[in-house]
Amino acid sequence: MVNKHLILTILVFAFVMPSCKQDKESSKAVRKCNMMVLKPATRELSSTYSATIRGKQDIDIRTKVSGYLTDVKVKEGSTVLKGQTLFIIDRVQYEAALQTAIANVNVAEAAVAAAKLTLESKEKLYEQHIISEFDIQMARTILAKEKATLAQAHANEVNARNNLSYTEVKSPSDGVVGTLPFRVGTLVSPNDATPLTTVSDNSEMYVYFSMTESQVLSLTRRFGTLDNALKALPSISLELSDGTIYPQKGRIEAISGLIDPTTGSVTVRAKFPNGGRLLLSGGSGNVILPHEQSDCIVIPQSATYEVQDKVYAYRYENGTAKSHIISVFEISNGTEYIVRGGLAAGDTLITEGVGILRDGIKVDIKKLTE
């Protein structure tokens, strides 16, 4: 009977020998690959951030007095100037209150005049020793009291005049009128939760977006301080909600000094001119921030591969492919990487077949690009 172990050994040997021979032959084979010599270049990349658009001032218009709306002088979306009348509130009760206040002032002025005459008369009698010092002091006290009453009457008149003026609700700034939730005949008051309207000063627009903490730290390290970064950052573009690019450039004006603990982001504010009134408060879009890199090493993304969040590339060294970990700029154009470390000008980069290459495999140049 044939030994089973002997048969198994013979079969394994028969399969292993050809395999080893193929591996030995493949290890001697030289793979031809496209390569490129790295040299400094200049690239302008851009990063995109979701943004919200706000007017330079979005002012809630509220009434200071209660009453029925008798007239609405503007329409939704109309442009208004500072001081222009927007709404009129029923004036009757406030005109009556003003007339009453004026009358009270007249009464108080007459009382003061009478108290002065009384005091002058009693002073003469006091000089003739006809009345006592108590009488003259009482006359002076009455005059002071009537003067205080007059001052109070004047204050009430001012208050009544102000209330009457408040029946004309005026715009505090130039801008565009928002929605008009109240119509003629509606009873309005200062306690209403909803404002009469909103006036947006949109001659210039503020565009708000967020950066990550690491991005803000990168700017600080790059320029020294955030103030220096604000001065050095280039003009930015705004992509509108319909996909078109706003024709005018904007600039970043402020970077918040606070990090949102829930998102880990920092709020950034940019300002855009809005002479054509194309931008509307409450709108949305995308801020496009350009990044120009000069004298940098640029490689195709197709010439790299990733393992556990690390980026690798093959460098041609002495006829073999050598794998290197490289660091790249966090922003890319989708087809290229800007290399921060791991490769240098003059290195020869293998740009073809990186997915099937192995570290140390023999390679030769099929096509060299400079």
Protein backbone atom coordinates (compact mmCIF):
# COMPACT_ATOMS: atom_id res chain seq x y z
CA MET A 1 0.00 0.00 0.00
CA VAL A 2 1.41 3.36 -1.04
CA ASN A 3 2.22 5.71 1.83
CA LYS A 4 -0.33 8.54 1.86
CA HIS A 5 2.14 11.01 3.39
CA LEU A 6 4.60 10.37 0.60
CA ILE A 7 1.97 11.06 -2.06
CA LEU A 8 0.94 14.33 -0.34
CA THR A 9 4.57 15.49 -0.16
CA ILE A 10 5.09 14.80 -3.86
CA LEU A 11 1.94 16.76 -4.80
CA VAL A 12 2.90 19.78 -2.68
CA PHE A 13 6.39 19.78 -4.15
CA ALA A 14 4.94 19.63 -7.66
CA PHE A 15 2.82 22.73 -7.05
CA VAL A 16 5.37 24.77 -5.11
CA MET A 17 8.24 24.39 -7.57
CA PRO A 18 6.53 26.14 -10.50
CA SER A 19 5.23 28.86 -8.17
CA CYS A 20 8.65 29.58 -6.76
CA LYS A 21 10.05 29.64 -10.26
CA GLN A 22 7.42 32.18 -11.35
CA ASP A 23 8.08 34.37 -8.29
CA LYS A 24 11.79 34.27 -8.99
CA GLU A 25 11.22 35.22 -12.60
CA SER A 26 8.77 37.98 -11.70
CA SER A 27 11.24 39.39 -9.17
CA LYS A 28 13.79 39.68 -11.94
CA ALA A 29 11.30 41.33 -14.35
CA VAL A 30 11.62 45.07 -14.77
CA ARG A 31 8.37 47.01 -14.94
CA LYS A 32 8.33 50.05 -17.22
CA CYS A 33 6.45 53.08 -15.82
CA ASN A 34 5.74 56.68 -16.69
CA MET A 35 7.65 59.06 -14.43
CA MET A 36 8.09 62.78 -13.86
CA VAL A 37 10.91 64.91 -12.51
CA LEU A 38 9.60 67.19 -9.77
CA LYS A 39 10.25 70.90 -10.01
CA PRO A 40 8.83 73.99 -8.28
CA ALA A 41 5.53 75.33 -9.60
CA THR A 42 2.82 77.84 -8.71
CA ARG A 43 -0.79 76.86 -8.09
CA GLU A 44 -3.90 78.73 -7.00
CA LEU A 45 -6.26 76.49 -5.12
CA SER A 46 -9.58 77.38 -3.52
CA SER A 47 -11.62 76.21 -0.59
CA THR A 48 -15.39 76.52 -0.42
CA TYR A 49 -17.50 77.29 2.65
CA SER A 50 -21.27 77.37 3.02
CA ALA A 51 -22.39 80.91 3.84
CA THR A 52 -25.40 82.97 4.88
CA ILE A 53 -26.01 86.51 3.66
CA ARG A 54 -27.18 89.32 5.92
CA GLY A 55 -27.72 93.02 5.41
CA LYS A 56 -25.23 95.40 6.97
CA GLN A 57 -28.08 96.32 9.30
CA ASP A 58 -31.30 94.35 9.69
CA ILE A 59 -33.43 96.63 11.85
CA ASP A 60 -36.76 95.53 13.30
CA ILE A 61 -39.23 98.40 13.05
CA ARG A 62 -41.52 98.61 16.09
CA THR A 63 -44.03 101.16 17.28
CA LYS A 64 -43.42 103.13 20.50
CA VAL A 65 -47.13 103.86 21.03
CA SER A 66 -50.33 101.83 20.82
CA GLY A 67 -53.07 102.50 18.31
CA TYR A 68 -54.73 101.53 15.07
CA LEU A 69 -52.74 101.66 11.84
CA THR A 70 -54.31 104.34 9.64
CA ASP A 71 -51.83 104.23 6.75
CA VAL A 72 -49.00 102.06 5.42
CA LYS A 73 -46.77 104.30 3.30
CA VAL A 74 -44.47 101.65 1.78
CA LYS A 75 -44.61 98.36 -0.05
CA GLU A 76 -42.71 95.16 0.57
CA GLY A 77 -39.29 95.28 -1.09
CA SER A 78 -39.34 99.04 -1.66
CA THR A 79 -36.21 101.11 -1.06
CA VAL A 80 -36.50 103.74 1.68
CA LEU A 81 -34.30 106.53 2.99
CA LYS A 82 -33.40 107.38 6.55
CA GLY A 83 -36.22 109.42 8.13
CA GLN A 84 -38.84 108.37 5.57
CA THR A 85 -42.31 107.69 7.02
CA LEU A 86 -43.27 104.02 6.90
CA PHE A 87 -46.50 103.81 8.96
CA ILE A 88 -49.02 106.19 10.51
CA ILE A 89 -50.89 105.34 13.71
CA ASP A 90 -54.18 106.97 14.73
CA ARG A 91 -53.22 110.44 16.04
CA VAL A 92 -56.48 111.61 17.64
CA GLN A 93 -55.83 110.53 21.24
CA TYR A 94 -52.23 111.77 21.13
CA GLU A 95 -53.21 115.16 19.71
CA ALA A 96 -55.77 115.48 22.53
CA ALA A 97 -53.13 114.50 25.07
CA LEU A 98 -50.82 117.18 23.70
CA GLN A 99 -53.51 119.86 23.94
CA THR A 100 -54.17 118.84 27.53
CA ALA A 101 -50.47 119.03 28.33
CA ILE A 102 -50.20 122.50 26.78
CA ALA A 103 -53.19 123.66 28.81
CA ASN A 104 -51.63 122.30 31.98
CA VAL A 105 -48.46 124.25 31.20
CA ASN A 106 -50.50 127.46 30.83
CA VAL A 107 -52.25 126.82 34.16
CA ALA A 108 -48.93 126.15 35.87
CA GLU A 109 -47.36 129.30 34.40
CA ALA A 110 -50.32 131.37 35.72
CA ALA A 111 -49.93 129.79 39.14
CA VAL A 112 -46.23 130.65 39.18
CA ALA A 113 -46.98 134.26 38.16
CA ALA A 114 -49.57 134.54 40.96
CA ALA A 115 -47.18 133.06 43.52
CA LYS A 116 -44.48 135.58 42.46
CA LEU A 117 -46.91 138.52 42.96
CA THR A 118 -47.92 137.17 46.35
CA LEU A 119 -44.29 136.82 47.41
CA GLU A 120 -43.42 140.36 46.24
CA SER A 121 -46.38 141.76 48.17
CA LYS A 122 -45.51 139.92 51.35
CA GLU A 123 -41.87 140.97 51.11
CA LYS A 124 -42.96 144.63 51.24
CA LEU A 125 -45.24 143.92 54.20
CA TYR A 126 -42.43 142.07 55.93
CA GLU A 127 -40.12 145.05 55.46
CA GLN A 128 -42.77 147.20 57.24
CA HIS A 129 -42.98 144.61 60.03
CA ILE A 130 -46.64 144.00 59.30
CA ILE A 131 -46.31 140.21 58.79
CA SER A 132 -44.08 137.66 60.44
CA GLU A 133 -41.12 135.81 58.98
CA PHE A 134 -43.29 132.65 58.88
CA ASP A 135 -45.62 134.32 56.39
CA ILE A 136 -42.79 135.28 54.06
CA GLN A 137 -41.33 131.76 54.21
CA MET A 138 -44.72 130.27 53.36
CA ALA A 139 -44.98 132.54 50.32
CA ARG A 140 -41.55 131.45 49.13
CA THR A 141 -42.47 127.78 49.62
CA ILE A 142 -45.66 128.20 47.58
CA LEU A 143 -43.69 129.81 44.74
CA ALA A 144 -41.18 126.92 44.73
CA LYS A 145 -44.06 124.43 44.67
CA GLU A 146 -45.72 126.17 41.71
CA LYS A 147 -42.39 126.25 39.82
CA ALA A 148 -42.03 122.48 40.37
CA THR A 149 -45.56 121.99 39.07
CA LEU A 150 -44.68 124.06 36.00
CA ALA A 151 -41.54 121.96 35.38
CA GLN A 152 -43.63 118.81 35.59
CA ALA A 153 -46.18 120.27 33.18
CA HIS A 154 -43.38 121.08 30.70
CA ALA A 155 -42.11 117.48 30.98
CA ASN A 156 -45.61 116.15 30.32
CA GLU A 157 -45.84 118.39 27.27
CA VAL A 158 -42.55 117.05 25.91
CA ASN A 159 -43.75 113.48 26.49
CA ALA A 160 -47.05 114.22 24.75
CA ARG A 161 -45.25 115.78 21.77
CA ASN A 162 -42.98 112.73 21.52
CA ASN A 163 -45.92 110.35 21.64
CA LEU A 164 -47.62 112.32 18.90
CA SER A 165 -44.44 112.17 16.78
CA TYR A 166 -44.24 108.42 17.36
CA THR A 167 -47.53 108.01 15.49
CA GLU A 168 -45.39 108.49 12.37
CA VAL A 169 -43.10 105.46 12.32
CA LYS A 170 -39.98 106.40 10.34
CA SER A 171 -37.07 104.45 8.95
CA PRO A 172 -33.91 104.71 11.07
CA SER A 173 -31.63 104.09 8.06
CA ASP A 174 -31.50 103.67 4.32
CA GLY A 175 -32.48 100.20 3.23
CA VAL A 176 -35.07 97.85 1.80
CA VAL A 177 -38.41 97.08 3.42
CA GLY A 178 -39.12 93.48 4.38
CA THR A 179 -42.49 91.80 4.83
CA LEU A 180 -45.51 93.78 6.08
CA PRO A 181 -47.47 91.51 8.44
CA PHE A 182 -49.87 94.28 9.58
CA ARG A 183 -52.48 96.05 7.45
CA VAL A 184 -54.48 99.26 7.84
CA GLY A 185 -56.92 98.98 10.75
CA THR A 186 -54.75 96.62 12.81
CA LEU A 187 -54.25 97.48 16.47
CA VAL A 188 -50.51 97.60 17.18
CA SER A 189 -48.53 98.18 20.36
CA PRO A 190 -44.91 98.21 21.59
CA ASN A 191 -45.49 94.79 23.18
CA ASP A 192 -46.19 93.01 19.89
CA ALA A 193 -43.87 90.05 19.34
CA THR A 194 -43.84 90.65 15.58
CA PRO A 195 -42.26 93.90 14.32
CA LEU A 196 -44.13 96.14 11.88
CA THR A 197 -41.43 95.29 9.31
CA THR A 198 -37.67 94.99 8.93
CA VAL A 199 -35.49 97.51 7.11
CA SER A 200 -32.29 96.00 5.75
CA ASP A 201 -29.39 98.29 4.96
CA ASN A 202 -28.06 96.29 2.02
CA SER A 203 -25.77 98.82 0.34
CA GLU A 204 -23.11 96.43 1.63
CA MET A 205 -23.77 92.85 2.68
CA TYR A 206 -22.23 90.74 5.40
CA VAL A 207 -21.57 87.12 4.48
CA TYR A 208 -21.03 84.72 7.39
CA PHE A 209 -19.31 81.33 7.18
CA SER A 210 -17.37 79.01 9.48
CA MET A 211 -13.80 77.75 9.59
CA THR A 212 -12.52 74.86 11.66
CA GLU A 213 -10.28 75.50 14.62
CA SER A 214 -7.32 73.90 12.80
CA GLN A 215 -7.81 76.17 9.77
CA VAL A 216 -7.79 79.28 11.99
CA LEU A 217 -4.67 78.01 13.80
CA SER A 218 -3.02 77.44 10.41
CA LEU A 219 -3.74 81.06 9.42
CA THR A 220 -2.36 82.31 12.74
CA ARG A 221 0.86 80.34 12.35
CA ARG A 222 1.23 81.37 8.73
CA PHE A 223 0.83 85.12 9.29
CA GLY A 224 1.80 85.52 12.94
CA THR A 225 -1.51 86.96 14.18
CA LEU A 226 -5.14 86.97 13.06
CA ASP A 227 -4.90 90.72 12.42
CA ASN A 228 -2.01 90.11 10.02
CA ALA A 229 -4.00 87.29 8.41
CA LEU A 230 -6.99 89.59 7.81
CA LYS A 231 -4.73 92.10 6.08
CA ALA A 232 -2.93 89.49 3.98
CA LEU A 233 -5.85 87.28 2.92
CA PRO A 234 -6.84 87.76 -0.73
CA SER A 235 -10.22 88.91 -2.01
CA ILE A 236 -12.86 86.21 -2.01
CA SER A 237 -15.68 85.23 -4.36
CA LEU A 238 -19.30 84.36 -3.66
CA GLU A 239 -21.17 81.59 -5.41
CA LEU A 240 -24.90 82.32 -5.36
CA SER A 241 -27.63 79.75 -4.75
CA ASP A 242 -28.23 79.38 -8.51
CA GLY A 243 -24.62 78.38 -9.09
CA THR A 244 -23.48 81.68 -10.65
CA ILE A 245 -20.56 83.69 -9.30
CA TYR A 246 -21.37 87.13 -7.86
CA PRO A 247 -19.60 89.67 -10.11
CA GLN A 248 -17.94 91.65 -7.31
CA LYS A 249 -15.25 90.44 -4.94
CA GLY A 250 -15.46 90.66 -1.17
CA ARG A 251 -13.00 90.74 1.71
CA ILE A 252 -12.83 88.98 5.04
CA GLU A 253 -13.27 91.59 7.76
CA ALA A 254 -13.45 89.69 11.02
CA ILE A 255 -12.72 86.29 12.54
CA SER A 256 -14.47 85.53 15.81
CA GLY A 257 -12.31 84.99 18.87
CA LEU A 258 -14.68 82.30 20.16
CA ILE A 259 -14.92 78.65 19.19
CA ASP A 260 -18.39 77.15 19.11
CA PRO A 261 -18.13 74.26 21.61
CA THR A 262 -20.83 72.25 19.81
CA THR A 263 -19.28 72.39 16.33
CA GLY A 264 -15.64 73.28 17.00
CA SER A 265 -15.87 76.02 14.36
CA VAL A 266 -15.13 79.74 14.29
CA THR A 267 -17.44 82.29 12.68
CA VAL A 268 -15.93 84.45 9.94
CA ARG A 269 -17.49 87.60 8.47
CA ALA A 270 -16.83 88.94 4.98
CA LYS A 271 -18.19 92.09 3.35
CA PHE A 272 -19.39 92.41 -0.24
CA PRO A 273 -20.51 95.57 -2.07
CA ASN A 274 -24.14 95.45 -3.19
CA GLY A 275 -24.68 98.48 -5.39
CA GLY A 276 -26.98 96.57 -7.74
CA ARG A 277 -29.08 95.18 -4.85
CA LEU A 278 -28.57 91.66 -6.21
CA LEU A 279 -27.78 90.21 -2.79
CA LEU A 280 -30.74 89.88 -0.44
CA SER A 281 -30.62 89.59 3.32
CA GLY A 282 -31.41 86.06 4.43
CA GLY A 283 -29.96 84.46 1.28
CA SER A 284 -27.36 81.71 1.11
CA GLY A 285 -24.39 80.77 -1.04
CA ASN A 286 -20.79 79.55 -0.93
CA VAL A 287 -17.71 81.58 -0.16
CA ILE A 288 -14.71 80.70 -2.35
CA LEU A 289 -11.39 81.47 -0.68
CA PRO A 290 -8.33 81.28 -2.99
CA HIS A 291 -4.95 80.01 -1.80
CA GLU A 292 -1.91 80.81 -3.95
CA GLN A 293 1.13 78.61 -3.42
CA SER A 294 4.37 79.56 -5.13
CA ASP A 295 7.57 77.50 -5.47
CA CYS A 296 5.75 74.37 -4.38
CA ILE A 297 5.97 70.73 -5.43
CA VAL A 298 2.83 69.61 -7.29
CA ILE A 299 2.08 65.96 -8.04
CA PRO A 300 -0.90 64.16 -9.58
CA GLN A 301 -3.26 62.59 -7.05
CA SER A 302 -3.28 59.49 -9.27
CA ALA A 303 0.40 59.01 -8.39
CA THR A 304 -0.42 58.47 -4.71
CA TYR A 305 -2.22 55.96 -2.54
CA GLU A 306 -3.48 56.05 1.03
CA VAL A 307 -3.08 53.63 3.91
CA GLN A 308 -4.66 54.43 7.27
CA ASP A 309 -5.07 58.15 6.45
CA LYS A 310 -1.43 58.44 5.36
CA VAL A 311 -0.54 59.43 1.81
CA TYR A 312 2.20 57.49 0.01
CA ALA A 313 4.05 57.96 -3.29
CA TYR A 314 6.72 55.95 -5.14
CA ARG A 315 10.03 57.61 -5.88
CA TYR A 316 12.38 56.17 -8.52
CA GLU A 317 15.67 55.34 -6.81
CA ASN A 318 18.53 53.33 -8.38
CA GLY A 319 16.26 51.38 -10.68
CA THR A 320 13.70 50.52 -7.99
CA ALA A 321 10.42 51.93 -6.69
CA LYS A 322 10.74 53.27 -3.15
CA SER A 323 7.58 54.06 -1.17
CA HIS A 324 7.58 57.28 0.88
CA ILE A 325 5.05 58.85 3.23
CA ILE A 326 4.34 62.39 2.09
CA SER A 327 2.46 65.29 3.68
CA VAL A 328 0.17 67.32 1.45
CA PHE A 329 -1.62 70.65 1.66
CA GLU A 330 -5.14 70.14 3.06
CA ILE A 331 -6.71 71.93 0.09
CA SER A 332 -6.52 70.51 -3.42
CA ASN A 333 -8.07 71.08 -6.83
CA GLY A 334 -9.30 67.49 -7.03
CA THR A 335 -6.59 66.26 -9.42
CA GLU A 336 -3.32 67.42 -7.84
CA TYR A 337 -1.67 67.57 -4.44
CA ILE A 338 0.65 70.27 -3.19
CA VAL A 339 3.41 68.45 -1.31
CA ARG A 340 4.55 69.83 2.03
CA GLY A 341 7.09 67.14 2.85
CA GLY A 342 8.47 63.78 1.75
CA LEU A 343 9.39 64.82 -1.79
CA ALA A 344 11.66 67.54 -3.13
CA ALA A 345 12.52 69.26 -6.38
CA GLY A 346 14.67 67.00 -8.55
CA ASP A 347 13.12 63.75 -7.32
CA THR A 348 11.76 61.36 -9.94
CA LEU A 349 8.16 60.36 -9.16
CA ILE A 350 6.54 57.23 -10.55
CA THR A 351 3.16 58.34 -11.90
CA GLU A 352 1.81 55.08 -13.33
CA GLY A 353 0.53 51.88 -11.81
CA VAL A 354 1.05 52.81 -8.16
CA GLY A 355 -1.76 50.44 -7.19
CA ILE A 356 0.20 47.36 -8.31
CA LEU A 357 3.74 48.44 -7.44
CA ARG A 358 5.57 47.13 -4.39
CA ASP A 359 8.33 48.71 -2.39
CA GLY A 360 11.70 47.73 -3.85
CA ILE A 361 10.38 46.35 -7.14
CA LYS A 362 12.60 46.92 -10.16
CA VAL A 363 11.30 49.59 -12.53
CA ASP A 364 12.49 51.39 -15.60
CA ILE A 365 11.45 54.61 -17.32
CA LYS A 366 8.84 54.23 -20.03
CA LYS A 367 8.19 57.95 -20.45
CA LEU A 368 9.79 60.78 -18.47
CA THR A 369 7.98 64.08 -18.05
CA GLU A 370 9.73 67.17 -16.81
